[in-house]
């Protein structure tokens, strides 16, 4: 579920929507509820000014606990780019008691993502996808999609200028790559600060190992 599915400007309606979603999942168990942008749903109540916003966080906690163990066949997953902003109450046993770090795609994954976004495009045969993948360290899936778009746009712009439609080449990709930087770097550097100064309980150990291996400074 996303913010637009839950949040309402009317007092009490957000809590009702949360309850309805969990009740639907329980009645169709076994079920999975996936919460995107968990930092928005489960923000620290001490940081929330409006009482009605604190109320829906409390409601979400109550739904995750269930009544008379009615969540036994219900799996609740969540994703966030800011785990440090999530209320600590959500990490108690039986709630979000496991935190998994999902890193940017590695070289093999980046190669497949590039190929995926190149499908249906007029790309020259014999593209060196592996070479491109190795040059896109720390690129996210969205970054790679943008790279393919930029390379194709360059070939299209030339076709409009010259009247000659040609395949997108390796050179187009390399030129586009020179104009791009991985969008993940800002997050990774910010995460480094949290790992350094707010990891006393070891919650971010997995992230710390990745940052060290990736030599993020």
N, C-alpha and C. Protein backbone atom coordinates (compact mmCIF):
# COMPACT_ATOMS: atom_id res chain seq x y z
N UNK A 1 0.84 -1.18 0.00
CA UNK A 1 0.00 0.00 0.00
C UNK A 1 0.88 1.25 0.00
N UNK A 2 0.38 2.32 -0.64
CA UNK A 2 1.12 3.56 -0.74
C UNK A 2 0.38 4.67 0.00
N UNK A 3 1.05 5.80 0.12
CA UNK A 3 0.48 6.92 0.87
C UNK A 3 -0.92 7.29 0.39
N UNK A 4 -1.08 7.35 -0.93
CA UNK A 4 -2.37 7.78 -1.48
C UNK A 4 -3.49 6.79 -1.16
N UNK A 5 -3.13 5.54 -0.89
CA UNK A 5 -4.14 4.54 -0.57
C UNK A 5 -4.66 4.69 0.86
N UNK A 6 -3.90 5.36 1.70
CA UNK A 6 -4.20 5.38 3.12
C UNK A 6 -4.56 6.77 3.64
N UNK A 7 -3.70 7.73 3.37
CA UNK A 7 -3.85 9.03 4.02
C UNK A 7 -5.10 9.77 3.54
N UNK A 8 -5.75 10.39 4.48
CA UNK A 8 -6.94 11.19 4.19
C UNK A 8 -6.85 12.50 4.96
N UNK A 9 -7.46 13.53 4.40
CA UNK A 9 -7.47 14.82 5.09
C UNK A 9 -8.53 14.86 6.19
N UNK A 10 -9.40 13.86 6.22
CA UNK A 10 -10.47 13.82 7.21
C UNK A 10 -10.02 13.06 8.45
N UNK A 11 -10.23 13.63 9.59
CA UNK A 11 -9.81 13.03 10.85
C UNK A 11 -10.48 11.67 11.04
N UNK A 12 -9.68 10.67 11.34
CA UNK A 12 -10.19 9.34 11.62
C UNK A 12 -10.31 8.43 10.41
N UNK A 13 -10.32 9.02 9.20
CA UNK A 13 -10.50 8.20 8.01
C UNK A 13 -9.26 7.39 7.67
N UNK A 14 -8.08 7.94 7.95
CA UNK A 14 -6.85 7.19 7.71
C UNK A 14 -6.82 5.91 8.55
N UNK A 15 -7.20 6.04 9.82
CA UNK A 15 -7.24 4.87 10.69
C UNK A 15 -8.24 3.84 10.18
N UNK A 16 -9.38 4.30 9.67
CA UNK A 16 -10.38 3.38 9.12
C UNK A 16 -9.86 2.65 7.90
N UNK A 17 -9.14 3.36 7.07
CA UNK A 17 -8.58 2.73 5.87
C UNK A 17 -7.54 1.68 6.24
N UNK A 18 -6.70 2.00 7.21
CA UNK A 18 -5.71 1.03 7.68
C UNK A 18 -6.39 -0.23 8.19
N UNK A 19 -7.40 -0.05 9.01
CA UNK A 19 -8.13 -1.18 9.55
C UNK A 19 -8.76 -2.02 8.45
N UNK A 20 -9.33 -1.35 7.43
CA UNK A 20 -9.97 -2.06 6.33
C UNK A 20 -8.97 -2.90 5.55
N UNK A 21 -7.78 -2.36 5.32
CA UNK A 21 -6.75 -3.09 4.59
C UNK A 21 -6.31 -4.33 5.36
N UNK A 22 -6.07 -4.17 6.66
CA UNK A 22 -5.65 -5.31 7.46
C UNK A 22 -6.76 -6.35 7.59
N UNK A 23 -8.00 -5.90 7.71
CA UNK A 23 -9.11 -6.84 7.81
C UNK A 23 -9.27 -7.63 6.51
N UNK A 24 -9.10 -6.96 5.39
CA UNK A 24 -9.16 -7.65 4.10
C UNK A 24 -8.06 -8.70 3.98
N UNK A 25 -6.85 -8.32 4.41
CA UNK A 25 -5.73 -9.27 4.36
C UNK A 25 -5.98 -10.46 5.28
N UNK A 26 -6.51 -10.19 6.48
CA UNK A 26 -6.79 -11.29 7.42
C UNK A 26 -7.85 -12.24 6.88
N UNK A 27 -8.85 -11.69 6.22
CA UNK A 27 -9.94 -12.53 5.71
C UNK A 27 -9.50 -13.34 4.49
N UNK A 28 -8.36 -12.96 3.89
CA UNK A 28 -7.83 -13.69 2.73
C UNK A 28 -6.49 -14.35 3.04
N UNK A 29 -6.22 -14.56 4.32
CA UNK A 29 -4.94 -15.14 4.74
C UNK A 29 -4.79 -16.56 4.17
N UNK A 30 -3.54 -16.98 3.87
CA UNK A 30 -2.30 -16.23 4.11
C UNK A 30 -2.14 -15.07 3.13
N UNK A 31 -1.70 -13.94 3.66
CA UNK A 31 -1.60 -12.71 2.86
C UNK A 31 -0.31 -11.97 3.19
N UNK A 32 0.05 -11.10 2.27
CA UNK A 32 1.21 -10.22 2.46
C UNK A 32 0.74 -8.77 2.29
N UNK A 33 1.09 -7.94 3.23
CA UNK A 33 0.88 -6.49 3.11
C UNK A 33 2.24 -5.84 2.93
N UNK A 34 2.39 -5.09 1.86
CA UNK A 34 3.65 -4.38 1.62
C UNK A 34 3.40 -2.89 1.76
N UNK A 35 4.16 -2.25 2.63
CA UNK A 35 4.02 -0.82 2.90
C UNK A 35 5.22 -0.09 2.29
N UNK A 36 4.95 0.76 1.31
CA UNK A 36 6.02 1.56 0.73
C UNK A 36 6.15 2.87 1.51
N UNK A 37 7.36 3.44 1.48
CA UNK A 37 7.64 4.69 2.20
C UNK A 37 7.26 4.56 3.67
N UNK A 38 7.81 3.54 4.30
CA UNK A 38 7.47 3.26 5.70
C UNK A 38 7.84 4.40 6.63
N UNK A 39 8.81 5.22 6.24
CA UNK A 39 9.19 6.35 7.10
C UNK A 39 8.08 7.39 7.16
N UNK A 40 7.23 7.43 6.13
CA UNK A 40 6.11 8.37 6.15
C UNK A 40 4.97 7.81 6.99
N UNK A 41 4.70 6.49 6.86
CA UNK A 41 3.65 5.87 7.65
C UNK A 41 4.04 5.72 9.11
N UNK A 42 5.31 5.36 9.32
CA UNK A 42 5.74 5.04 10.68
C UNK A 42 6.76 6.01 11.23
N UNK A 43 6.57 7.28 10.95
CA UNK A 43 7.51 8.29 11.44
C UNK A 43 7.53 8.31 12.96
N UNK A 44 8.65 8.74 13.50
CA UNK A 44 8.77 8.84 14.96
C UNK A 44 7.70 9.77 15.49
N UNK A 45 6.92 9.26 16.43
CA UNK A 45 5.82 10.07 16.95
C UNK A 45 6.31 11.31 17.68
N UNK A 46 7.52 11.23 18.21
CA UNK A 46 8.08 12.41 18.88
C UNK A 46 8.38 13.53 17.90
N UNK A 47 8.51 13.19 16.60
CA UNK A 47 8.80 14.19 15.58
C UNK A 47 7.55 14.69 14.87
N UNK A 48 6.41 14.09 15.20
CA UNK A 48 5.17 14.45 14.53
C UNK A 48 4.43 15.49 15.37
N UNK A 49 4.10 16.61 14.74
CA UNK A 49 3.44 17.68 15.48
C UNK A 49 1.94 17.49 15.60
N UNK A 50 1.29 17.05 14.51
CA UNK A 50 -0.17 16.97 14.49
C UNK A 50 -0.65 15.72 15.24
N UNK A 51 -1.57 15.88 16.19
CA UNK A 51 -2.10 14.72 16.94
C UNK A 51 -2.74 13.67 16.04
N UNK A 52 -3.41 14.11 14.95
CA UNK A 52 -4.08 13.14 14.08
C UNK A 52 -3.06 12.26 13.35
N UNK A 53 -1.85 12.80 13.10
CA UNK A 53 -0.81 11.99 12.46
C UNK A 53 -0.26 10.96 13.44
N UNK A 54 -0.11 11.35 14.70
CA UNK A 54 0.34 10.39 15.71
C UNK A 54 -0.70 9.28 15.86
N UNK A 55 -1.97 9.62 15.69
CA UNK A 55 -3.04 8.64 15.85
C UNK A 55 -2.96 7.54 14.81
N UNK A 56 -2.64 7.87 13.55
CA UNK A 56 -2.60 6.80 12.55
C UNK A 56 -1.35 5.93 12.70
N UNK A 57 -0.25 6.50 13.24
CA UNK A 57 0.92 5.68 13.54
C UNK A 57 0.56 4.67 14.64
N UNK A 58 -0.13 5.14 15.66
CA UNK A 58 -0.57 4.26 16.73
C UNK A 58 -1.52 3.19 16.20
N UNK A 59 -2.41 3.58 15.27
CA UNK A 59 -3.34 2.61 14.67
C UNK A 59 -2.58 1.54 13.90
N UNK A 60 -1.56 1.94 13.15
CA UNK A 60 -0.77 0.97 12.40
C UNK A 60 -0.07 -0.01 13.33
N UNK A 61 0.44 0.49 14.44
CA UNK A 61 1.07 -0.39 15.43
C UNK A 61 0.05 -1.39 15.98
N UNK A 62 -1.14 -0.92 16.26
CA UNK A 62 -2.18 -1.80 16.79
C UNK A 62 -2.57 -2.87 15.77
N UNK A 63 -2.66 -2.49 14.51
CA UNK A 63 -3.02 -3.46 13.48
C UNK A 63 -1.93 -4.51 13.31
N UNK A 64 -0.67 -4.10 13.41
CA UNK A 64 0.43 -5.05 13.26
C UNK A 64 0.46 -6.04 14.42
N UNK A 65 0.07 -5.57 15.61
CA UNK A 65 0.02 -6.48 16.76
C UNK A 65 -1.14 -7.46 16.62
N UNK A 66 -2.22 -7.02 15.97
CA UNK A 66 -3.38 -7.88 15.80
C UNK A 66 -4.14 -8.02 17.11
N UNK A 67 -5.32 -8.59 17.00
CA UNK A 67 -6.16 -8.84 18.16
C UNK A 67 -6.33 -10.34 18.29
N UNK A 68 -5.96 -10.87 19.43
CA UNK A 68 -6.05 -12.32 19.67
C UNK A 68 -5.26 -13.10 18.61
N UNK A 69 -4.07 -12.57 18.26
CA UNK A 69 -3.14 -13.22 17.32
C UNK A 69 -3.77 -13.46 15.96
N UNK A 70 -4.60 -12.56 15.49
CA UNK A 70 -5.24 -12.74 14.19
C UNK A 70 -4.29 -12.46 13.02
N UNK A 71 -3.05 -12.10 13.32
CA UNK A 71 -2.07 -11.86 12.27
C UNK A 71 -1.17 -13.06 12.03
N UNK A 72 -1.56 -14.21 12.53
CA UNK A 72 -0.70 -15.38 12.46
C UNK A 72 -0.32 -15.74 11.03
N UNK A 73 -1.24 -15.59 10.08
CA UNK A 73 -0.97 -15.92 8.67
C UNK A 73 -0.82 -14.67 7.82
N UNK A 74 -0.38 -13.60 8.46
CA UNK A 74 -0.22 -12.33 7.77
C UNK A 74 1.24 -11.88 7.85
N UNK A 75 1.84 -11.62 6.70
CA UNK A 75 3.22 -11.14 6.65
C UNK A 75 3.20 -9.67 6.23
N UNK A 76 3.80 -8.82 7.05
CA UNK A 76 3.84 -7.38 6.76
C UNK A 76 5.28 -6.98 6.44
N UNK A 77 5.47 -6.47 5.24
CA UNK A 77 6.78 -6.01 4.78
C UNK A 77 6.71 -4.52 4.52
N UNK A 78 7.84 -3.85 4.62
CA UNK A 78 7.88 -2.42 4.35
C UNK A 78 9.22 -2.04 3.73
N UNK A 79 9.20 -0.96 2.98
CA UNK A 79 10.42 -0.43 2.38
C UNK A 79 10.57 1.03 2.74
N UNK A 80 11.80 1.45 2.93
CA UNK A 80 12.06 2.86 3.25
C UNK A 80 13.49 3.21 2.88
N UNK A 81 13.69 4.44 2.50
CA UNK A 81 15.04 4.96 2.28
C UNK A 81 15.59 5.64 3.53
N UNK A 82 14.78 5.69 4.57
CA UNK A 82 15.19 6.37 5.80
C UNK A 82 14.79 5.55 7.02
N UNK A 83 15.42 4.41 7.23
CA UNK A 83 15.06 3.56 8.38
C UNK A 83 15.29 4.25 9.71
N UNK A 84 16.20 5.21 9.72
CA UNK A 84 16.49 5.96 10.96
C UNK A 84 15.36 6.91 11.34
N UNK A 85 14.42 7.14 10.43
CA UNK A 85 13.28 8.00 10.74
C UNK A 85 12.04 7.23 11.18
N UNK A 86 12.13 5.91 11.19
CA UNK A 86 10.98 5.08 11.57
C UNK A 86 10.92 4.96 13.09
N UNK A 87 9.73 5.08 13.63
CA UNK A 87 9.53 4.98 15.08
C UNK A 87 10.09 3.65 15.59
N UNK A 88 10.88 3.73 16.66
CA UNK A 88 11.50 2.53 17.22
C UNK A 88 10.50 1.47 17.63
N UNK A 89 9.26 1.87 17.92
CA UNK A 89 8.24 0.90 18.32
C UNK A 89 7.95 -0.10 17.21
N UNK A 90 8.20 0.28 15.97
CA UNK A 90 7.94 -0.63 14.86
C UNK A 90 8.95 -1.77 14.79
N UNK A 91 10.08 -1.63 15.47
CA UNK A 91 11.12 -2.64 15.38
C UNK A 91 11.06 -3.64 16.54
N UNK A 92 10.03 -3.60 17.33
CA UNK A 92 9.88 -4.56 18.41
C UNK A 92 9.54 -5.94 17.85
N UNK A 93 9.86 -7.02 18.58
CA UNK A 93 9.54 -8.37 18.10
C UNK A 93 8.07 -8.50 17.70
N UNK A 94 7.85 -9.15 16.56
CA UNK A 94 6.51 -9.33 16.06
C UNK A 94 6.07 -8.23 15.13
N UNK A 95 6.87 -7.18 15.04
CA UNK A 95 6.58 -6.10 14.09
C UNK A 95 7.65 -6.14 13.01
N UNK A 96 8.31 -5.02 12.74
CA UNK A 96 9.41 -5.04 11.78
C UNK A 96 10.69 -5.36 12.53
N UNK A 97 10.82 -6.61 12.94
CA UNK A 97 11.95 -6.98 13.78
C UNK A 97 13.17 -7.42 12.98
N UNK A 98 13.09 -7.36 11.65
CA UNK A 98 14.25 -7.65 10.80
C UNK A 98 14.43 -6.49 9.83
N UNK A 99 15.66 -6.03 9.72
CA UNK A 99 15.98 -4.94 8.80
C UNK A 99 16.97 -5.48 7.77
N UNK A 100 16.58 -5.45 6.51
CA UNK A 100 17.42 -5.96 5.42
C UNK A 100 17.84 -4.81 4.52
N UNK A 101 19.10 -4.72 4.23
CA UNK A 101 19.61 -3.69 3.34
C UNK A 101 19.60 -4.19 1.90
N UNK A 102 18.97 -3.44 1.02
CA UNK A 102 18.95 -3.78 -0.41
C UNK A 102 19.88 -2.80 -1.12
N UNK A 103 21.06 -3.25 -1.53
CA UNK A 103 22.04 -2.34 -2.14
C UNK A 103 21.69 -2.02 -3.58
N UNK A 104 22.35 -1.03 -4.16
CA UNK A 104 22.19 -0.79 -5.60
C UNK A 104 22.59 -2.05 -6.36
N UNK A 105 22.07 -2.25 -7.57
CA UNK A 105 22.38 -3.48 -8.32
C UNK A 105 23.86 -3.63 -8.60
N UNK A 106 24.33 -4.89 -8.54
CA UNK A 106 25.74 -5.15 -8.87
C UNK A 106 25.90 -5.19 -10.38
N UNK A 107 27.12 -5.46 -10.85
CA UNK A 107 27.42 -5.37 -12.28
C UNK A 107 26.55 -6.32 -13.10
N UNK A 108 26.38 -7.55 -12.62
CA UNK A 108 25.57 -8.53 -13.36
C UNK A 108 24.12 -8.05 -13.46
N UNK A 109 23.60 -7.53 -12.35
CA UNK A 109 22.22 -7.03 -12.35
C UNK A 109 22.09 -5.80 -13.24
N UNK A 110 23.10 -4.92 -13.20
CA UNK A 110 23.04 -3.72 -14.04
C UNK A 110 23.02 -4.09 -15.52
N UNK A 111 23.78 -5.10 -15.88
CA UNK A 111 23.79 -5.54 -17.28
C UNK A 111 22.39 -6.00 -17.72
N UNK A 112 21.74 -6.77 -16.87
CA UNK A 112 20.40 -7.26 -17.21
C UNK A 112 19.38 -6.13 -17.25
N UNK A 113 19.53 -5.16 -16.35
CA UNK A 113 18.61 -4.02 -16.33
C UNK A 113 18.76 -3.20 -17.61
N UNK A 114 20.00 -2.98 -18.03
CA UNK A 114 20.23 -2.26 -19.28
C UNK A 114 19.60 -2.98 -20.46
N UNK A 115 19.78 -4.29 -20.51
CA UNK A 115 19.19 -5.08 -21.60
C UNK A 115 17.68 -5.00 -21.57
N UNK A 116 17.12 -5.03 -20.37
CA UNK A 116 15.67 -4.97 -20.23
C UNK A 116 15.11 -3.67 -20.80
N UNK A 117 15.75 -2.55 -20.46
CA UNK A 117 15.25 -1.25 -20.92
C UNK A 117 15.59 -1.00 -22.40
N UNK A 118 16.50 -1.81 -22.94
CA UNK A 118 16.85 -1.66 -24.36
C UNK A 118 15.92 -2.46 -25.27
N UNK A 119 15.09 -3.32 -24.69
CA UNK A 119 14.18 -4.13 -25.50
C UNK A 119 13.24 -3.24 -26.32
N UNK A 120 13.10 -3.60 -27.59
CA UNK A 120 12.21 -2.83 -28.46
C UNK A 120 12.82 -1.56 -28.99
N UNK A 121 14.07 -1.27 -28.60
CA UNK A 121 14.76 -0.08 -29.10
C UNK A 121 15.62 -0.47 -30.31
N UNK A 122 15.93 0.52 -31.09
CA UNK A 122 16.76 0.28 -32.29
C UNK A 122 18.23 0.37 -31.87
N UNK A 123 18.73 -0.73 -31.27
CA UNK A 123 20.09 -0.79 -30.74
C UNK A 123 20.96 -1.62 -31.68
N UNK A 124 22.19 -1.18 -31.90
CA UNK A 124 23.09 -1.94 -32.77
C UNK A 124 23.37 -3.31 -32.18
N UNK A 125 23.59 -4.28 -33.03
CA UNK A 125 23.92 -5.62 -32.56
C UNK A 125 25.36 -5.63 -32.04
N UNK A 126 25.63 -6.53 -31.13
CA UNK A 126 26.98 -6.63 -30.59
C UNK A 126 27.32 -5.59 -29.55
N UNK A 127 26.29 -5.03 -28.91
CA UNK A 127 26.55 -4.04 -27.84
C UNK A 127 27.34 -4.70 -26.71
N UNK A 128 28.28 -3.95 -26.15
CA UNK A 128 29.09 -4.46 -25.04
C UNK A 128 28.40 -4.08 -23.72
N UNK A 129 27.33 -4.80 -23.43
CA UNK A 129 26.55 -4.49 -22.23
C UNK A 129 27.37 -4.64 -20.96
N UNK A 130 28.21 -5.65 -20.91
CA UNK A 130 29.02 -5.86 -19.72
C UNK A 130 29.94 -4.67 -19.48
N UNK A 131 30.53 -4.13 -20.53
CA UNK A 131 31.41 -2.97 -20.39
C UNK A 131 30.63 -1.78 -19.83
N UNK A 132 29.43 -1.56 -20.34
CA UNK A 132 28.61 -0.46 -19.83
C UNK A 132 28.24 -0.68 -18.37
N UNK A 133 27.91 -1.93 -18.04
CA UNK A 133 27.53 -2.25 -16.67
C UNK A 133 28.67 -1.96 -15.71
N UNK A 134 29.88 -2.26 -16.11
CA UNK A 134 31.03 -2.03 -15.25
C UNK A 134 31.33 -0.55 -15.05
N UNK A 135 30.85 0.28 -15.97
CA UNK A 135 31.08 1.73 -15.88
C UNK A 135 29.97 2.45 -15.12
N UNK A 136 28.98 1.70 -14.65
CA UNK A 136 27.82 2.33 -13.99
C UNK A 136 27.71 1.91 -12.52
N UNK A 137 28.83 1.82 -11.86
CA UNK A 137 28.82 1.45 -10.44
C UNK A 137 27.97 2.42 -9.63
N UNK A 138 27.17 1.86 -8.73
CA UNK A 138 26.27 2.60 -7.83
C UNK A 138 25.03 3.15 -8.54
N UNK A 139 24.87 2.88 -9.83
CA UNK A 139 23.67 3.33 -10.53
C UNK A 139 22.46 2.52 -10.04
N UNK A 140 21.35 3.21 -9.86
CA UNK A 140 20.11 2.53 -9.51
C UNK A 140 19.42 2.06 -10.79
N UNK A 141 18.34 1.29 -10.63
CA UNK A 141 17.58 0.86 -11.79
C UNK A 141 17.04 2.04 -12.57
N UNK A 142 16.57 3.07 -11.86
CA UNK A 142 16.06 4.28 -12.53
C UNK A 142 17.17 5.01 -13.28
N UNK A 143 18.37 5.04 -12.70
CA UNK A 143 19.51 5.67 -13.37
C UNK A 143 19.82 4.96 -14.69
N UNK A 144 19.77 3.64 -14.65
CA UNK A 144 20.08 2.85 -15.85
C UNK A 144 19.02 3.04 -16.92
N UNK A 145 17.76 3.14 -16.50
CA UNK A 145 16.68 3.41 -17.46
C UNK A 145 16.90 4.77 -18.11
N UNK A 146 17.32 5.75 -17.31
CA UNK A 146 17.58 7.09 -17.85
C UNK A 146 18.76 7.08 -18.81
N UNK A 147 19.76 6.25 -18.54
CA UNK A 147 20.91 6.14 -19.42
C UNK A 147 20.49 5.63 -20.80
N UNK A 148 19.66 4.60 -20.81
CA UNK A 148 19.17 4.07 -22.09
C UNK A 148 18.37 5.14 -22.83
N UNK A 149 17.52 5.86 -22.10
CA UNK A 149 16.71 6.91 -22.73
C UNK A 149 17.60 7.98 -23.35
N UNK A 150 18.62 8.41 -22.61
CA UNK A 150 19.49 9.48 -23.12
C UNK A 150 20.25 9.04 -24.37
N UNK A 151 20.73 7.80 -24.34
CA UNK A 151 21.46 7.29 -25.50
C UNK A 151 20.55 7.24 -26.73
N UNK A 152 19.32 6.80 -26.53
CA UNK A 152 18.37 6.72 -27.65
C UNK A 152 17.96 8.12 -28.12
N UNK A 153 17.82 9.04 -27.20
CA UNK A 153 17.46 10.41 -27.57
C UNK A 153 18.54 11.05 -28.42
N UNK A 154 19.81 10.72 -28.14
CA UNK A 154 20.91 11.28 -28.92
C UNK A 154 20.83 10.81 -30.37
N UNK A 155 20.53 9.52 -30.55
CA UNK A 155 20.42 8.99 -31.90
C UNK A 155 19.21 9.58 -32.61
N UNK A 156 18.11 9.77 -31.87
CA UNK A 156 16.91 10.35 -32.47
C UNK A 156 17.14 11.81 -32.86
N UNK A 157 17.83 12.55 -32.01
CA UNK A 157 18.12 13.96 -32.32
C UNK A 157 18.95 14.06 -33.60
N UNK A 158 19.90 13.15 -33.75
CA UNK A 158 20.72 13.15 -34.97
C UNK A 158 19.87 12.82 -36.19
N UNK A 159 18.95 11.89 -36.03
CA UNK A 159 18.08 11.51 -37.15
C UNK A 159 17.20 12.68 -37.58
N UNK A 160 16.69 13.44 -36.61
CA UNK A 160 15.87 14.60 -36.92
C UNK A 160 16.68 15.68 -37.62
N UNK A 161 17.95 15.77 -37.25
CA UNK A 161 18.82 16.80 -37.83
C UNK A 161 19.27 16.44 -39.24
N UNK A 162 19.57 15.14 -39.46
CA UNK A 162 20.16 14.72 -40.73
C UNK A 162 19.18 14.00 -41.65
N UNK A 163 18.11 13.49 -41.07
CA UNK A 163 17.16 12.72 -41.87
C UNK A 163 17.53 11.26 -42.01
N UNK A 164 18.63 10.86 -41.36
CA UNK A 164 19.08 9.47 -41.44
C UNK A 164 18.83 8.76 -40.11
N UNK A 165 17.97 7.77 -40.13
CA UNK A 165 17.67 7.01 -38.92
C UNK A 165 18.68 5.89 -38.78
N UNK A 166 19.37 5.87 -37.67
CA UNK A 166 20.41 4.85 -37.44
C UNK A 166 20.19 4.15 -36.11
N UNK A 167 20.93 3.07 -35.91
CA UNK A 167 20.87 2.35 -34.64
C UNK A 167 21.58 3.15 -33.55
N UNK A 168 21.16 2.92 -32.32
CA UNK A 168 21.85 3.49 -31.16
C UNK A 168 23.12 2.69 -30.94
N UNK A 169 24.23 3.39 -30.76
CA UNK A 169 25.53 2.72 -30.69
C UNK A 169 26.13 2.78 -29.29
N UNK A 170 27.22 2.04 -29.16
CA UNK A 170 27.98 2.06 -27.91
C UNK A 170 28.46 3.48 -27.60
N UNK A 171 28.84 4.19 -28.65
CA UNK A 171 29.33 5.56 -28.48
C UNK A 171 28.23 6.46 -27.92
N UNK A 172 26.98 6.23 -28.33
CA UNK A 172 25.87 7.02 -27.79
C UNK A 172 25.74 6.79 -26.29
N UNK A 173 25.87 5.55 -25.88
CA UNK A 173 25.78 5.22 -24.46
C UNK A 173 26.93 5.84 -23.68
N UNK A 174 28.12 5.78 -24.23
CA UNK A 174 29.28 6.32 -23.53
C UNK A 174 29.20 7.83 -23.40
N UNK A 175 28.70 8.51 -24.43
CA UNK A 175 28.52 9.95 -24.35
C UNK A 175 27.47 10.31 -23.30
N UNK A 176 26.37 9.57 -23.30
CA UNK A 176 25.32 9.82 -22.31
C UNK A 176 25.83 9.57 -20.91
N UNK A 177 26.67 8.56 -20.76
CA UNK A 177 27.19 8.21 -19.45
C UNK A 177 28.06 9.32 -18.88
N UNK A 178 28.77 10.04 -19.74
CA UNK A 178 29.63 11.13 -19.28
C UNK A 178 28.82 12.25 -18.64
N UNK A 179 27.55 12.35 -18.97
CA UNK A 179 26.69 13.42 -18.46
C UNK A 179 25.92 13.00 -17.21
N UNK A 180 26.12 11.78 -16.75
CA UNK A 180 25.32 11.26 -15.64
C UNK A 180 26.17 10.91 -14.43
N UNK A 181 25.55 10.97 -13.28
CA UNK A 181 26.15 10.52 -12.03
C UNK A 181 25.11 9.67 -11.30
N UNK A 182 25.54 8.66 -10.56
CA UNK A 182 24.58 7.82 -9.85
C UNK A 182 23.79 8.62 -8.81
N UNK A 183 22.48 8.50 -8.86
CA UNK A 183 21.63 9.25 -7.93
C UNK A 183 21.71 8.69 -6.51
N UNK A 184 22.31 7.52 -6.35
CA UNK A 184 22.37 6.90 -5.02
C UNK A 184 23.46 7.49 -4.12
N UNK A 185 24.39 8.23 -4.71
CA UNK A 185 25.55 8.65 -3.93
C UNK A 185 25.19 9.55 -2.76
N UNK A 186 24.26 10.46 -2.97
CA UNK A 186 23.85 11.35 -1.88
C UNK A 186 23.30 10.53 -0.71
N UNK A 187 22.46 9.54 -1.02
CA UNK A 187 21.90 8.69 0.04
C UNK A 187 22.99 7.88 0.72
N UNK A 188 23.90 7.32 -0.05
CA UNK A 188 24.95 6.48 0.53
C UNK A 188 25.84 7.29 1.47
N UNK A 189 26.15 8.52 1.09
CA UNK A 189 26.99 9.36 1.97
C UNK A 189 26.24 9.76 3.23
N UNK A 190 24.94 10.04 3.07
CA UNK A 190 24.13 10.35 4.25
C UNK A 190 24.01 9.13 5.16
N UNK A 191 23.85 7.97 4.56
CA UNK A 191 23.76 6.73 5.33
C UNK A 191 25.06 6.47 6.09
N UNK A 192 26.17 6.86 5.51
CA UNK A 192 27.46 6.69 6.16
C UNK A 192 27.50 7.42 7.50
N UNK A 193 26.89 8.59 7.56
CA UNK A 193 26.85 9.34 8.82
C UNK A 193 26.05 8.59 9.88
N UNK A 194 24.91 8.03 9.48
CA UNK A 194 24.09 7.29 10.44
C UNK A 194 24.81 6.04 10.93
N UNK A 195 25.48 5.36 10.00
CA UNK A 195 26.22 4.16 10.38
C UNK A 195 27.33 4.51 11.36
N UNK A 196 27.97 5.65 11.13
CA UNK A 196 29.10 6.05 11.98
C UNK A 196 28.65 6.48 13.36
N UNK A 197 27.54 7.20 13.44
CA UNK A 197 27.17 7.83 14.71
C UNK A 197 25.90 7.27 15.35
N UNK A 198 25.16 6.40 14.67
CA UNK A 198 23.89 5.93 15.24
C UNK A 198 23.70 4.43 15.04
N UNK A 199 24.76 3.68 15.19
CA UNK A 199 24.65 2.23 14.99
C UNK A 199 25.07 1.46 16.24
N UNK A 200 24.78 2.03 17.40
CA UNK A 200 25.22 1.40 18.64
C UNK A 200 24.61 0.01 18.85
N UNK A 201 23.38 -0.20 18.35
CA UNK A 201 22.72 -1.49 18.55
C UNK A 201 22.96 -2.46 17.40
N UNK A 202 23.80 -2.07 16.42
CA UNK A 202 24.14 -2.96 15.32
C UNK A 202 23.07 -3.09 14.25
N UNK A 203 22.06 -2.21 14.28
CA UNK A 203 20.95 -2.30 13.33
C UNK A 203 21.43 -2.13 11.89
N UNK A 204 22.48 -1.33 11.71
CA UNK A 204 22.94 -1.04 10.36
C UNK A 204 24.26 -1.73 10.02
N UNK A 205 24.54 -2.84 10.66
CA UNK A 205 25.80 -3.55 10.42
C UNK A 205 25.94 -3.99 8.96
N UNK A 206 24.84 -4.49 8.38
CA UNK A 206 24.88 -4.94 6.99
C UNK A 206 25.18 -3.77 6.06
N UNK A 207 24.55 -2.64 6.33
CA UNK A 207 24.82 -1.44 5.55
C UNK A 207 26.26 -0.99 5.74
N UNK A 208 26.76 -1.07 6.95
CA UNK A 208 28.14 -0.66 7.24
C UNK A 208 29.14 -1.48 6.43
N UNK A 209 28.89 -2.79 6.34
CA UNK A 209 29.79 -3.64 5.58
C UNK A 209 29.78 -3.27 4.10
N UNK A 210 28.61 -2.95 3.59
CA UNK A 210 28.52 -2.55 2.17
C UNK A 210 29.27 -1.25 1.94
N UNK A 211 29.07 -0.28 2.82
CA UNK A 211 29.71 1.03 2.64
C UNK A 211 31.24 0.91 2.71
N UNK A 212 31.70 0.05 3.60
CA UNK A 212 33.15 -0.16 3.69
C UNK A 212 33.69 -0.81 2.43
N UNK A 213 32.99 -1.84 1.94
CA UNK A 213 33.43 -2.54 0.74
C UNK A 213 33.38 -1.62 -0.49
N UNK A 214 32.38 -0.74 -0.52
CA UNK A 214 32.24 0.18 -1.64
C UNK A 214 33.11 1.43 -1.50
N UNK A 215 33.78 1.54 -0.33
CA UNK A 215 34.69 2.66 -0.05
C UNK A 215 33.96 4.00 -0.16
N UNK A 216 32.75 4.03 0.44
CA UNK A 216 31.99 5.27 0.46
C UNK A 216 32.56 6.17 1.56
N UNK A 217 32.89 7.37 1.23
CA UNK A 217 33.46 8.31 2.20
C UNK A 217 32.60 9.56 2.28
